[in-house]
PDB file of N, CA and C in Angstrom:
ATOM      1  N   UNK A   1       0.830  -1.194   0.000  1.00  0.00           N
ATOM      2  CA  UNK A   1       0.000   0.000   0.000  1.00  0.00           C
ATOM      3  C   UNK A   1       0.873   1.256   0.000  1.00  0.00           C
ATOM      4  N   UNK A   2       1.967   1.226   0.766  1.00  0.00           N
ATOM      5  CA  UNK A   2       2.844   2.389   0.846  1.00  0.00           C
ATOM      6  C   UNK A   2       3.476   2.707  -0.507  1.00  0.00           C
ATOM      7  N   UNK A   3       3.869   1.678  -1.231  1.00  0.00           N
ATOM      8  CA  UNK A   3       4.488   1.901  -2.547  1.00  0.00           C
ATOM      9  C   UNK A   3       3.478   2.497  -3.515  1.00  0.00           C
ATOM     10  N   UNK A   4       2.283   1.934  -3.532  1.00  0.00           N
ATOM     11  CA  UNK A   4       1.256   2.427  -4.452  1.00  0.00           C
ATOM     12  C   UNK A   4       0.820   3.831  -4.076  1.00  0.00           C
ATOM     13  N   UNK A   5       0.838   4.154  -2.788  1.00  0.00           N
ATOM     14  CA  UNK A   5       0.483   5.507  -2.344  1.00  0.00           C
ATOM     15  C   UNK A   5       1.447   6.551  -2.879  1.00  0.00           C
ATOM     16  N   UNK A   6       2.635   6.131  -3.275  1.00  0.00           N
ATOM     17  CA  UNK A   6       3.627   7.052  -3.806  1.00  0.00           C
ATOM     18  C   UNK A   6       3.440   7.418  -5.259  1.00  0.00           C
ATOM     19  N   UNK A   7       2.478   6.801  -5.931  1.00  0.00           N
ATOM     20  CA  UNK A   7       2.229   7.147  -7.332  1.00  0.00           C
ATOM     21  C   UNK A   7       1.625   8.548  -7.370  1.00  0.00           C
ATOM     22  N   UNK A   8       2.249   9.416  -8.138  1.00  0.00           N
ATOM     23  CA  UNK A   8       1.833  10.815  -8.187  1.00  0.00           C
ATOM     24  C   UNK A   8       0.424  10.989  -8.738  1.00  0.00           C
ATOM     25  N   UNK A   9      -0.240  12.005  -8.255  1.00  0.00           N
ATOM     26  CA  UNK A   9      -1.554  12.372  -8.767  1.00  0.00           C
ATOM     27  C   UNK A   9      -1.409  12.707 -10.250  1.00  0.00           C
ATOM     28  N   UNK A  10      -2.425  12.333 -11.018  1.00  0.00           N
ATOM     29  CA  UNK A  10      -2.415  12.704 -12.430  1.00  0.00           C
ATOM     30  C   UNK A  10      -3.740  13.345 -12.787  1.00  0.00           C
ATOM     31  N   UNK A  11      -3.787  13.941 -13.932  1.00  0.00           N
ATOM     32  CA  UNK A  11      -5.006  14.656 -14.330  1.00  0.00           C
ATOM     33  C   UNK A  11      -5.613  14.051 -15.587  1.00  0.00           C
ATOM     34  N   UNK A  12      -5.638  12.720 -15.658  1.00  0.00           N
ATOM     35  CA  UNK A  12      -6.256  12.076 -16.806  1.00  0.00           C
ATOM     36  C   UNK A  12      -7.738  12.430 -16.882  1.00  0.00           C
ATOM     37  N   UNK A  13      -8.221  12.577 -18.087  1.00  0.00           N
ATOM     38  CA  UNK A  13      -9.644  12.827 -18.289  1.00  0.00           C
ATOM     39  C   UNK A  13     -10.414  11.525 -18.117  1.00  0.00           C
ATOM     40  N   UNK A  14     -11.737  11.619 -18.066  1.00  0.00           N
ATOM     41  CA  UNK A  14     -12.577  10.427 -17.945  1.00  0.00           C
ATOM     42  C   UNK A  14     -12.316   9.456 -19.099  1.00  0.00           C
ATOM     43  N   UNK A  15     -12.033   9.972 -20.279  1.00  0.00           N
ATOM     44  CA  UNK A  15     -11.763   9.117 -21.438  1.00  0.00           C
ATOM     45  C   UNK A  15     -10.494   8.283 -21.245  1.00  0.00           C
ATOM     46  N   UNK A  16      -9.591   8.765 -20.431  1.00  0.00           N
ATOM     47  CA  UNK A  16      -8.319   8.070 -20.195  1.00  0.00           C
ATOM     48  C   UNK A  16      -8.256   7.385 -18.833  1.00  0.00           C
ATOM     49  N   UNK A  17      -9.407   7.059 -18.251  1.00  0.00           N
ATOM     50  CA  UNK A  17      -9.433   6.384 -16.949  1.00  0.00           C
ATOM     51  C   UNK A  17      -8.638   5.097 -16.960  1.00  0.00           C
ATOM     52  N   UNK A  18      -8.659   4.371 -18.064  1.00  0.00           N
ATOM     53  CA  UNK A  18      -7.938   3.101 -18.156  1.00  0.00           C
ATOM     54  C   UNK A  18      -6.447   3.318 -17.879  1.00  0.00           C
ATOM     55  N   UNK A  19      -5.914   4.465 -18.252  1.00  0.00           N
ATOM     56  CA  UNK A  19      -4.503   4.737 -18.006  1.00  0.00           C
ATOM     57  C   UNK A  19      -4.203   4.813 -16.516  1.00  0.00           C
ATOM     58  N   UNK A  20      -5.146   5.310 -15.712  1.00  0.00           N
ATOM     59  CA  UNK A  20      -4.942   5.341 -14.261  1.00  0.00           C
ATOM     60  C   UNK A  20      -4.883   3.926 -13.717  1.00  0.00           C
ATOM     61  N   UNK A  21      -5.765   3.051 -14.195  1.00  0.00           N
ATOM     62  CA  UNK A  21      -5.718   1.658 -13.761  1.00  0.00           C
ATOM     63  C   UNK A  21      -4.382   1.038 -14.139  1.00  0.00           C
ATOM     64  N   UNK A  22      -3.852   1.393 -15.290  1.00  0.00           N
ATOM     65  CA  UNK A  22      -2.557   0.859 -15.719  1.00  0.00           C
ATOM     66  C   UNK A  22      -1.427   1.332 -14.812  1.00  0.00           C
ATOM     67  N   UNK A  23      -1.526   2.537 -14.245  1.00  0.00           N
ATOM     68  CA  UNK A  23      -0.523   2.982 -13.275  1.00  0.00           C
ATOM     69  C   UNK A  23      -0.441   2.014 -12.107  1.00  0.00           C
ATOM     70  N   UNK A  24      -1.596   1.618 -11.578  1.00  0.00           N
ATOM     71  CA  UNK A  24      -1.630   0.692 -10.446  1.00  0.00           C
ATOM     72  C   UNK A  24      -1.166  -0.694 -10.869  1.00  0.00           C
ATOM     73  N   UNK A  25      -1.573  -1.110 -12.050  1.00  0.00           N
ATOM     74  CA  UNK A  25      -1.154  -2.415 -12.576  1.00  0.00           C
ATOM     75  C   UNK A  25       0.369  -2.458 -12.705  1.00  0.00           C
ATOM     76  N   UNK A  26       0.945  -1.401 -13.208  1.00  0.00           N
ATOM     77  CA  UNK A  26       2.398  -1.327 -13.356  1.00  0.00           C
ATOM     78  C   UNK A  26       3.093  -1.363 -11.996  1.00  0.00           C
ATOM     79  N   UNK A  27       2.541  -0.674 -11.018  1.00  0.00           N
ATOM     80  CA  UNK A  27       3.140  -0.676  -9.679  1.00  0.00           C
ATOM     81  C   UNK A  27       3.137  -2.083  -9.093  1.00  0.00           C
ATOM     82  N   UNK A  28       2.025  -2.803  -9.226  1.00  0.00           N
ATOM     83  CA  UNK A  28       1.948  -4.169  -8.713  1.00  0.00           C
ATOM     84  C   UNK A  28       2.957  -5.056  -9.443  1.00  0.00           C
ATOM     85  N   UNK A  29       3.041  -4.909 -10.756  1.00  0.00           N
ATOM     86  CA  UNK A  29       4.010  -5.662 -11.551  1.00  0.00           C
ATOM     87  C   UNK A  29       5.437  -5.414 -11.047  1.00  0.00           C
ATOM     88  N   UNK A  30       5.778  -4.161 -10.846  1.00  0.00           N
ATOM     89  CA  UNK A  30       7.132  -3.820 -10.405  1.00  0.00           C
ATOM     90  C   UNK A  30       7.442  -4.367  -9.008  1.00  0.00           C
ATOM     91  N   UNK A  31       6.476  -4.304  -8.105  1.00  0.00           N
ATOM     92  CA  UNK A  31       6.690  -4.835  -6.751  1.00  0.00           C
ATOM     93  C   UNK A  31       7.051  -6.314  -6.826  1.00  0.00           C
ATOM     94  N   UNK A  32       6.256  -7.099  -7.568  1.00  0.00           N
ATOM     95  CA  UNK A  32       6.531  -8.532  -7.653  1.00  0.00           C
ATOM     96  C   UNK A  32       7.827  -8.819  -8.411  1.00  0.00           C
ATOM     97  N   UNK A  33       8.100  -8.069  -9.449  1.00  0.00           N
ATOM     98  CA  UNK A  33       9.337  -8.254 -10.206  1.00  0.00           C
ATOM     99  C   UNK A  33      10.553  -7.976  -9.320  1.00  0.00           C
ATOM    100  N   UNK A  34      10.499  -6.910  -8.559  1.00  0.00           N
ATOM    101  CA  UNK A  34      11.614  -6.578  -7.672  1.00  0.00           C
ATOM    102  C   UNK A  34      11.780  -7.603  -6.554  1.00  0.00           C
ATOM    103  N   UNK A  35      10.718  -8.351  -6.259  1.00  0.00           N
ATOM    104  CA  UNK A  35      10.800  -9.430  -5.273  1.00  0.00           C
ATOM    105  C   UNK A  35      11.328 -10.722  -5.894  1.00  0.00           C
ATOM    106  N   UNK A  36      11.623 -10.677  -7.201  1.00  0.00           N
ATOM    107  CA  UNK A  36      12.170 -11.836  -7.882  1.00  0.00           C
ATOM    108  C   UNK A  36      11.121 -12.858  -8.311  1.00  0.00           C
ATOM    109  N   UNK A  37       9.865 -12.441  -8.403  1.00  0.00           N
ATOM    110  CA  UNK A  37       8.781 -13.342  -8.783  1.00  0.00           C
ATOM    111  C   UNK A  37       8.530 -13.278 -10.292  1.00  0.00           C
ATOM    112  N   UNK A  38       7.985 -14.379 -10.844  1.00  0.00           N
ATOM    113  CA  UNK A  38       7.596 -14.381 -12.254  1.00  0.00           C
ATOM    114  C   UNK A  38       6.191 -13.823 -12.345  1.00  0.00           C
ATOM    115  N   UNK A  39       6.047 -12.667 -12.950  1.00  0.00           N
ATOM    116  CA  UNK A  39       4.764 -11.980 -13.038  1.00  0.00           C
ATOM    117  C   UNK A  39       4.558 -11.475 -14.455  1.00  0.00           C
ATOM    118  N   UNK A  40       3.303 -11.527 -14.907  1.00  0.00           N
ATOM    119  CA  UNK A  40       2.939 -11.028 -16.231  1.00  0.00           C
ATOM    120  C   UNK A  40       1.702 -10.150 -16.092  1.00  0.00           C
ATOM    121  N   UNK A  41       1.538  -9.207 -17.001  1.00  0.00           N
ATOM    122  CA  UNK A  41       0.326  -8.392 -17.038  1.00  0.00           C
ATOM    123  C   UNK A  41      -0.395  -8.613 -18.357  1.00  0.00           C
ATOM    124  N   UNK A  42      -1.696  -8.295 -18.337  1.00  0.00           N
ATOM    125  CA  UNK A  42      -2.547  -8.445 -19.528  1.00  0.00           C
ATOM    126  C   UNK A  42      -2.397  -9.844 -20.129  1.00  0.00           C
ATOM    127  N   UNK A  43      -2.653 -10.861 -19.321  1.00  0.00           N
ATOM    128  CA  UNK A  43      -2.465 -12.255 -19.724  1.00  0.00           C
ATOM    129  C   UNK A  43      -3.725 -12.751 -20.424  1.00  0.00           C
ATOM    130  N   UNK A  44      -3.583 -13.097 -21.691  1.00  0.00           N
ATOM    131  CA  UNK A  44      -4.713 -13.505 -22.525  1.00  0.00           C
ATOM    132  C   UNK A  44      -5.209 -14.909 -22.195  1.00  0.00           C
ATOM    133  N   UNK A  45      -6.515 -15.064 -22.309  1.00  0.00           N
ATOM    134  CA  UNK A  45      -7.152 -16.376 -22.210  1.00  0.00           C
ATOM    135  C   UNK A  45      -8.259 -16.413 -23.258  1.00  0.00           C
ATOM    136  N   UNK A  46      -9.030 -17.477 -23.280  1.00  0.00           N
ATOM    137  CA  UNK A  46     -10.070 -17.630 -24.295  1.00  0.00           C
ATOM    138  C   UNK A  46     -11.156 -16.560 -24.199  1.00  0.00           C
ATOM    139  N   UNK A  47     -11.375 -16.011 -22.996  1.00  0.00           N
ATOM    140  CA  UNK A  47     -12.495 -15.088 -22.798  1.00  0.00           C
ATOM    141  C   UNK A  47     -12.082 -13.661 -22.418  1.00  0.00           C
ATOM    142  N   UNK A  48     -10.800 -13.366 -22.419  1.00  0.00           N
ATOM    143  CA  UNK A  48     -10.380 -12.020 -22.042  1.00  0.00           C
ATOM    144  C   UNK A  48      -8.952 -11.992 -21.552  1.00  0.00           C
ATOM    145  N   UNK A  49      -8.656 -10.953 -20.749  1.00  0.00           N
ATOM    146  CA  UNK A  49      -7.292 -10.770 -20.242  1.00  0.00           C
ATOM    147  C   UNK A  49      -7.317 -10.514 -18.744  1.00  0.00           C
ATOM    148  N   UNK A  50      -6.517 -11.277 -18.023  1.00  0.00           N
ATOM    149  CA  UNK A  50      -6.327 -11.012 -16.601  1.00  0.00           C
ATOM    150  C   UNK A  50      -5.353  -9.847 -16.466  1.00  0.00           C
ATOM    151  N   UNK A  51      -5.597  -8.972 -15.527  1.00  0.00           N
ATOM    152  CA  UNK A  51      -4.714  -7.819 -15.351  1.00  0.00           C
ATOM    153  C   UNK A  51      -3.304  -8.224 -14.946  1.00  0.00           C
ATOM    154  N   UNK A  52      -3.187  -9.265 -14.120  1.00  0.00           N
ATOM    155  CA  UNK A  52      -1.875  -9.668 -13.633  1.00  0.00           C
ATOM    156  C   UNK A  52      -1.927 -11.134 -13.213  1.00  0.00           C
ATOM    157  N   UNK A  53      -0.868 -11.885 -13.526  1.00  0.00           N
ATOM    158  CA  UNK A  53      -0.748 -13.277 -13.101  1.00  0.00           C
ATOM    159  C   UNK A  53       0.641 -13.464 -12.529  1.00  0.00           C
ATOM    160  N   UNK A  54       0.688 -13.989 -11.299  1.00  0.00           N
ATOM    161  CA  UNK A  54       1.936 -14.274 -10.607  1.00  0.00           C
ATOM    162  C   UNK A  54       2.043 -15.786 -10.452  1.00  0.00           C
ATOM    163  N   UNK A  55       3.169 -16.353 -10.893  1.00  0.00           N
ATOM    164  CA  UNK A  55       3.396 -17.794 -10.782  1.00  0.00           C
ATOM    165  C   UNK A  55       4.553 -18.059  -9.842  1.00  0.00           C
ATOM    166  N   UNK A  56       4.318 -18.967  -8.885  1.00  0.00           N
ATOM    167  CA  UNK A  56       5.380 -19.431  -7.996  1.00  0.00           C
ATOM    168  C   UNK A  56       5.540 -20.931  -8.236  1.00  0.00           C
ATOM    169  N   UNK A  57       6.430 -21.552  -7.499  1.00  0.00           N
ATOM    170  CA  UNK A  57       6.687 -22.980  -7.677  1.00  0.00           C
ATOM    171  C   UNK A  57       5.445 -23.831  -7.440  1.00  0.00           C
ATOM    172  N   UNK A  58       4.586 -23.395  -6.514  1.00  0.00           N
ATOM    173  CA  UNK A  58       3.425 -24.225  -6.196  1.00  0.00           C
ATOM    174  C   UNK A  58       2.071 -23.532  -6.329  1.00  0.00           C
ATOM    175  N   UNK A  59       2.055 -22.272  -6.763  1.00  0.00           N
ATOM    176  CA  UNK A  59       0.793 -21.525  -6.837  1.00  0.00           C
ATOM    177  C   UNK A  59       0.740 -20.600  -8.040  1.00  0.00           C
ATOM    178  N   UNK A  60      -0.494 -20.273  -8.431  1.00  0.00           N
ATOM    179  CA  UNK A  60      -0.758 -19.263  -9.453  1.00  0.00           C
ATOM    180  C   UNK A  60      -1.731 -18.262  -8.836  1.00  0.00           C
ATOM    181  N   UNK A  61      -1.391 -16.988  -8.899  1.00  0.00           N
ATOM    182  CA  UNK A  61      -2.239 -15.922  -8.368  1.00  0.00           C
ATOM    183  C   UNK A  61      -2.735 -15.092  -9.548  1.00  0.00           C
ATOM    184  N   UNK A  62      -4.052 -14.980  -9.673  1.00  0.00           N
ATOM    185  CA  UNK A  62      -4.652 -14.252 -10.790  1.00  0.00           C
ATOM    186  C   UNK A  62      -5.319 -13.000 -10.227  1.00  0.00           C
ATOM    187  N   UNK A  63      -4.876 -11.841 -10.711  1.00  0.00           N
ATOM    188  CA  UNK A  63      -5.371 -10.555 -10.226  1.00  0.00           C
ATOM    189  C   UNK A  63      -6.249  -9.868 -11.270  1.00  0.00           C
ATOM    190  N   UNK A  64      -7.280  -9.202 -10.783  1.00  0.00           N
ATOM    191  CA  UNK A  64      -8.061  -8.280 -11.598  1.00  0.00           C
ATOM    192  C   UNK A  64      -8.205  -7.012 -10.782  1.00  0.00           C
ATOM    193  N   UNK A  65      -7.968  -5.859 -11.411  1.00  0.00           N
ATOM    194  CA  UNK A  65      -7.994  -4.570 -10.734  1.00  0.00           C
ATOM    195  C   UNK A  65      -9.163  -3.734 -11.234  1.00  0.00           C
ATOM    196  N   UNK A  66      -9.741  -2.959 -10.329  1.00  0.00           N
ATOM    197  CA  UNK A  66     -10.815  -2.023 -10.667  1.00  0.00           C
ATOM    198  C   UNK A  66     -10.524  -0.698  -9.987  1.00  0.00           C
ATOM    199  N   UNK A  67     -10.854   0.388 -10.663  1.00  0.00           N
ATOM    200  CA  UNK A  67     -10.853   1.691 -10.012  1.00  0.00           C
ATOM    201  C   UNK A  67     -12.156   1.794  -9.243  1.00  0.00           C
ATOM    202  N   UNK A  68     -12.142   2.453  -8.102  1.00  0.00           N
ATOM    203  CA  UNK A  68     -13.309   2.479  -7.218  1.00  0.00           C
ATOM    204  C   UNK A  68     -14.579   2.957  -7.918  1.00  0.00           C
ATOM    205  N   UNK A  69     -14.456   3.849  -8.867  1.00  0.00           N
ATOM    206  CA  UNK A  69     -15.638   4.326  -9.588  1.00  0.00           C
ATOM    207  C   UNK A  69     -16.136   3.347 -10.637  1.00  0.00           C
ATOM    208  N   UNK A  70     -15.330   2.356 -10.964  1.00  0.00           N
ATOM    209  CA  UNK A  70     -15.692   1.407 -12.028  1.00  0.00           C
ATOM    210  C   UNK A  70     -15.912  -0.014 -11.530  1.00  0.00           C
ATOM    211  N   UNK A  71     -15.940  -0.202 -10.230  1.00  0.00           N
ATOM    212  CA  UNK A  71     -16.199  -1.533  -9.715  1.00  0.00           C
ATOM    213  C   UNK A  71     -15.496  -1.775  -8.397  1.00  0.00           C
ATOM    214  N   UNK A  72     -15.936  -2.821  -7.739  1.00  0.00           N
ATOM    215  CA  UNK A  72     -15.405  -3.185  -6.427  1.00  0.00           C
ATOM    216  C   UNK A  72     -14.475  -4.389  -6.545  1.00  0.00           C
ATOM    217  N   UNK A  73     -13.877  -4.736  -5.430  1.00  0.00           N
ATOM    218  CA  UNK A  73     -13.052  -5.944  -5.381  1.00  0.00           C
ATOM    219  C   UNK A  73     -13.903  -7.168  -5.718  1.00  0.00           C
ATOM    220  N   UNK A  74     -15.132  -7.178  -5.249  1.00  0.00           N
ATOM    221  CA  UNK A  74     -16.053  -8.286  -5.555  1.00  0.00           C
ATOM    222  C   UNK A  74     -16.326  -8.358  -7.054  1.00  0.00           C
ATOM    223  N   UNK A  75     -16.517  -7.201  -7.698  1.00  0.00           N
ATOM    224  CA  UNK A  75     -16.723  -7.166  -9.154  1.00  0.00           C
ATOM    225  C   UNK A  75     -15.505  -7.734  -9.876  1.00  0.00           C
ATOM    226  N   UNK A  76     -14.327  -7.379  -9.410  1.00  0.00           N
ATOM    227  CA  UNK A  76     -13.087  -7.866 -10.026  1.00  0.00           C
ATOM    228  C   UNK A  76     -12.971  -9.381  -9.876  1.00  0.00           C
ATOM    229  N   UNK A  77     -13.284  -9.888  -8.696  1.00  0.00           N
ATOM    230  CA  UNK A  77     -13.240 -11.329  -8.447  1.00  0.00           C
ATOM    231  C   UNK A  77     -14.245 -12.055  -9.350  1.00  0.00           C
ATOM    232  N   UNK A  78     -15.427 -11.495  -9.463  1.00  0.00           N
ATOM    233  CA  UNK A  78     -16.447 -12.089 -10.339  1.00  0.00           C
ATOM    234  C   UNK A  78     -16.012 -12.093 -11.795  1.00  0.00           C
ATOM    235  N   UNK A  79     -15.316 -11.060 -12.231  1.00  0.00           N
ATOM    236  CA  UNK A  79     -14.828 -11.005 -13.613  1.00  0.00           C
ATOM    237  C   UNK A  79     -13.850 -12.145 -13.884  1.00  0.00           C
ATOM    238  N   UNK A  80     -12.969 -12.423 -12.932  1.00  0.00           N
ATOM    239  CA  UNK A  80     -12.018 -13.524 -13.089  1.00  0.00           C
ATOM    240  C   UNK A  80     -12.772 -14.836 -13.288  1.00  0.00           C
ATOM    241  N   UNK A  81     -13.791 -15.054 -12.457  1.00  0.00           N
ATOM    242  CA  UNK A  81     -14.548 -16.305 -12.536  1.00  0.00           C
ATOM    243  C   UNK A  81     -15.408 -16.378 -13.800  1.00  0.00           C
ATOM    244  N   UNK A  82     -16.132 -15.310 -14.099  1.00  0.00           N
ATOM    245  CA  UNK A  82     -17.033 -15.302 -15.260  1.00  0.00           C
ATOM    246  C   UNK A  82     -16.284 -15.472 -16.575  1.00  0.00           C
ATOM    247  N   UNK A  83     -15.075 -14.934 -16.650  1.00  0.00           N
ATOM    248  CA  UNK A  83     -14.305 -15.014 -17.888  1.00  0.00           C
ATOM    249  C   UNK A  83     -13.341 -16.198 -17.915  1.00  0.00           C
ATOM    250  N   UNK A  84     -13.364 -17.014 -16.883  1.00  0.00           N
ATOM    251  CA  UNK A  84     -12.569 -18.242 -16.868  1.00  0.00           C
ATOM    252  C   UNK A  84     -11.066 -18.037 -16.957  1.00  0.00           C
ATOM    253  N   UNK A  85     -10.551 -16.965 -16.342  1.00  0.00           N
ATOM    254  CA  UNK A  85      -9.118 -16.693 -16.421  1.00  0.00           C
ATOM    255  C   UNK A  85      -8.269 -17.812 -15.805  1.00  0.00           C
ATOM    256  N   UNK A  86      -8.838 -18.581 -14.871  1.00  0.00           N
ATOM    257  CA  UNK A  86      -8.079 -19.635 -14.194  1.00  0.00           C
ATOM    258  C   UNK A  86      -8.049 -20.944 -14.971  1.00  0.00           C
ATOM    259  N   UNK A  87      -8.907 -21.114 -15.936  1.00  0.00           N
ATOM    260  CA  UNK A  87      -9.053 -22.404 -16.619  1.00  0.00           C
ATOM    261  C   UNK A  87      -7.737 -22.933 -17.168  1.00  0.00           C
ATOM    262  N   UNK A  88      -6.958 -22.082 -17.785  1.00  0.00           N
ATOM    263  CA  UNK A  88      -5.729 -22.547 -18.436  1.00  0.00           C
ATOM    264  C   UNK A  88      -4.650 -23.004 -17.458  1.00  0.00           C
ATOM    265  N   UNK A  89      -4.835 -22.732 -16.164  1.00  0.00           N
ATOM    266  CA  UNK A  89      -3.848 -23.131 -15.160  1.00  0.00           C
ATOM    267  C   UNK A  89      -4.251 -24.387 -14.387  1.00  0.00           C
ATOM    268  N   UNK A  90      -5.453 -24.875 -14.589  1.00  0.00           N
ATOM    269  CA  UNK A  90      -5.962 -25.998 -13.797  1.00  0.00           C
ATOM    270  C   UNK A  90      -5.227 -27.304 -14.053  1.00  0.00           C
ATOM    271  N   UNK A  91      -4.647 -27.474 -15.210  1.00  0.00           N
ATOM    272  CA  UNK A  91      -3.921 -28.712 -15.513  1.00  0.00           C
ATOM    273  C   UNK A  91      -2.533 -28.745 -14.871  1.00  0.00           C
ATOM    274  N   UNK A  92      -2.060 -27.624 -14.359  1.00  0.00           N
ATOM    275  CA  UNK A  92      -0.716 -27.550 -13.770  1.00  0.00           C
ATOM    276  C   UNK A  92      -0.607 -28.229 -12.409  1.00  0.00           C
ATOM    277  N   UNK A  93      -1.736 -28.455 -11.755  1.00  0.00           N
ATOM    278  CA  UNK A  93      -1.719 -29.070 -10.431  1.00  0.00           C
ATOM    279  C   UNK A  93      -1.293 -28.130  -9.317  1.00  0.00           C
ATOM    280  N   UNK A  94      -1.197 -26.838  -9.617  1.00  0.00           N
ATOM    281  CA  UNK A  94      -0.809 -25.859  -8.608  1.00  0.00           C
ATOM    282  C   UNK A  94      -2.048 -25.281  -7.932  1.00  0.00           C
ATOM    283  N   UNK A  95      -1.844 -24.745  -6.744  1.00  0.00           N
ATOM    284  CA  UNK A  95      -2.898 -24.007  -6.065  1.00  0.00           C
ATOM    285  C   UNK A  95      -3.185 -22.754  -6.896  1.00  0.00           C
ATOM    286  N   UNK A  96      -4.463 -22.428  -7.072  1.00  0.00           N
ATOM    287  CA  UNK A  96      -4.855 -21.238  -7.833  1.00  0.00           C
ATOM    288  C   UNK A  96      -5.613 -20.305  -6.898  1.00  0.00           C
ATOM    289  N   UNK A  97      -5.136 -19.067  -6.818  1.00  0.00           N
ATOM    290  CA  UNK A  97      -5.766 -18.069  -5.963  1.00  0.00           C
ATOM    291  C   UNK A  97      -6.223 -16.900  -6.837  1.00  0.00           C
ATOM    292  N   UNK A  98      -7.504 -16.556  -6.722  1.00  0.00           N
ATOM    293  CA  UNK A  98      -8.077 -15.424  -7.452  1.00  0.00           C
ATOM    294  C   UNK A  98      -8.066 -14.214  -6.517  1.00  0.00           C
ATOM    295  N   UNK A  99      -7.647 -13.067  -7.049  1.00  0.00           N
ATOM    296  CA  UNK A  99      -7.563 -11.857  -6.230  1.00  0.00           C
ATOM    297  C   UNK A  99      -8.202 -10.695  -6.975  1.00  0.00           C
ATOM    298  N   UNK A 100      -9.288 -10.199  -6.412  1.00  0.00           N
ATOM    299  CA  UNK A 100      -9.942  -9.008  -6.949  1.00  0.00           C
ATOM    300  C   UNK A 100      -9.555  -7.830  -6.078  1.00  0.00           C
ATOM    301  N   UNK A 101      -9.151  -6.739  -6.693  1.00  0.00           N
ATOM    302  CA  UNK A 101      -8.697  -5.577  -5.935  1.00  0.00           C
ATOM    303  C   UNK A 101      -9.273  -4.309  -6.533  1.00  0.00           C
ATOM    304  N   UNK A 102      -9.643  -3.379  -5.666  1.00  0.00           N
ATOM    305  CA  UNK A 102     -10.071  -2.072  -6.161  1.00  0.00           C
ATOM    306  C   UNK A 102      -9.142  -1.005  -5.594  1.00  0.00           C
ATOM    307  N   UNK A 103      -8.966   0.037  -6.383  1.00  0.00           N
ATOM    308  CA  UNK A 103      -8.118   1.160  -6.009  1.00  0.00           C
ATOM    309  C   UNK A 103      -8.994   2.384  -5.816  1.00  0.00           C
ATOM    310  N   UNK A 104      -8.792   3.075  -4.726  1.00  0.00           N
ATOM    311  CA  UNK A 104      -9.586   4.248  -4.388  1.00  0.00           C
ATOM    312  C   UNK A 104      -9.024   5.467  -5.111  1.00  0.00           C
ATOM    313  N   UNK A 105      -9.864   6.117  -5.879  1.00  0.00           N
ATOM    314  CA  UNK A 105      -9.416   7.286  -6.644  1.00  0.00           C
ATOM    315  C   UNK A 105      -9.139   8.500  -5.761  1.00  0.00           C
ATOM    316  N   UNK A 106      -9.787   8.588  -4.602  1.00  0.00           N
ATOM    317  CA  UNK A 106      -9.551   9.735  -3.733  1.00  0.00           C
ATOM    318  C   UNK A 106      -8.240   9.603  -2.967  1.00  0.00           C
ATOM    319  N   UNK A 107      -7.990   8.429  -2.389  1.00  0.00           N
ATOM    320  CA  UNK A 107      -6.766   8.237  -1.611  1.00  0.00           C
ATOM    321  C   UNK A 107      -5.623   7.730  -2.475  1.00  0.00           C
ATOM    322  N   UNK A 108      -5.946   7.318  -3.690  1.00  0.00           N
ATOM    323  CA  UNK A 108      -4.971   6.818  -4.677  1.00  0.00           C
ATOM    324  C   UNK A 108      -4.136   5.666  -4.138  1.00  0.00           C
ATOM    325  N   UNK A 109      -4.820   4.711  -3.526  1.00  0.00           N
ATOM    326  CA  UNK A 109      -4.166   3.511  -3.050  1.00  0.00           C
ATOM    327  C   UNK A 109      -5.184   2.376  -3.026  1.00  0.00           C
ATOM    328  N   UNK A 110      -4.791   1.232  -2.517  1.00  0.00           N
ATOM    329  CA  UNK A 110      -5.684   0.082  -2.491  1.00  0.00           C
ATOM    330  C   UNK A 110      -6.867   0.380  -1.572  1.00  0.00           C
ATOM    331  N   UNK A 111      -8.068   0.172  -2.097  1.00  0.00           N
ATOM    332  CA  UNK A 111      -9.280   0.363  -1.299  1.00  0.00           C
ATOM    333  C   UNK A 111      -9.643  -0.937  -0.588  1.00  0.00           C
ATOM    334  N   UNK A 112      -9.805  -2.009  -1.356  1.00  0.00           N
ATOM    335  CA  UNK A 112     -10.105  -3.303  -0.760  1.00  0.00           C
ATOM    336  C   UNK A 112      -9.734  -4.414  -1.718  1.00  0.00           C
ATOM    337  N   UNK A 113      -9.731  -5.637  -1.194  1.00  0.00           N
ATOM    338  CA  UNK A 113      -9.448  -6.795  -2.023  1.00  0.00           C
ATOM    339  C   UNK A 113     -10.184  -7.996  -1.467  1.00  0.00           C
ATOM    340  N   UNK A 114     -10.427  -8.936  -2.345  1.00  0.00           N
ATOM    341  CA  UNK A 114     -11.047 -10.207  -1.962  1.00  0.00           C
ATOM    342  C   UNK A 114     -10.252 -11.324  -2.630  1.00  0.00           C
ATOM    343  N   UNK A 115     -10.122 -12.424  -1.909  1.00  0.00           N
ATOM    344  CA  UNK A 115      -9.411 -13.567  -2.471  1.00  0.00           C
ATOM    345  C   UNK A 115     -10.293 -14.806  -2.419  1.00  0.00           C
ATOM    346  N   UNK A 116      -9.990 -15.727  -3.307  1.00  0.00           N
ATOM    347  CA  UNK A 116     -10.681 -17.015  -3.315  1.00  0.00           C
ATOM    348  C   UNK A 116      -9.722 -18.060  -3.857  1.00  0.00           C
ATOM    349  N   UNK A 117      -9.499 -19.091  -3.077  1.00  0.00           N
ATOM    350  CA  UNK A 117      -8.637 -20.203  -3.524  1.00  0.00           C
ATOM    351  C   UNK A 117      -9.515 -21.241  -4.203  1.00  0.00           C
ATOM    352  N   UNK A 118      -9.068 -21.726  -5.359  1.00  0.00           N
ATOM    353  CA  UNK A 118      -9.802 -22.764  -6.062  1.00  0.00           C
ATOM    354  C   UNK A 118      -9.313 -24.132  -5.600  1.00  0.00           C
ATOM    355  N   UNK A 119     -10.207 -25.085  -5.638  1.00  0.00           N
ATOM    356  CA  UNK A 119      -9.838 -26.456  -5.311  1.00  0.00           C
ATOM    357  C   UNK A 119      -8.957 -27.006  -6.411  1.00  0.00           C
ATOM    358  N   UNK A 120      -7.962 -27.819  -6.035  1.00  0.00           N
ATOM    359  CA  UNK A 120      -7.089 -28.443  -7.030  1.00  0.00           C
ATOM    360  C   UNK A 120      -7.849 -29.503  -7.788  1.00  0.00           C
TER     361      UNK A 120
END
């Protein structure tokens, strides 16, 4: 949260709201990369793109991000499930964790998140 709070305020218009979400996506990517983790953004699947996927030796973490005005952590979690972002990882035998997160536009940091572990 402290790292993301350091992202400078910007003055994107409503038409460029997606760019603000990308600022947060990039920050999350950089945090995991600097921790030495294998992380990807905009990961394609049959039904869409997950915002971020982190793979470890025994787990896969699938993230979807929302700006507070465009959805909640619950909405993000539902998007992962509805679009089947986890399907392509089920054959790996790893633990799969879905993470929906929303970012608060007023405080410019993480507002809330929800997680759900899938059965192997």
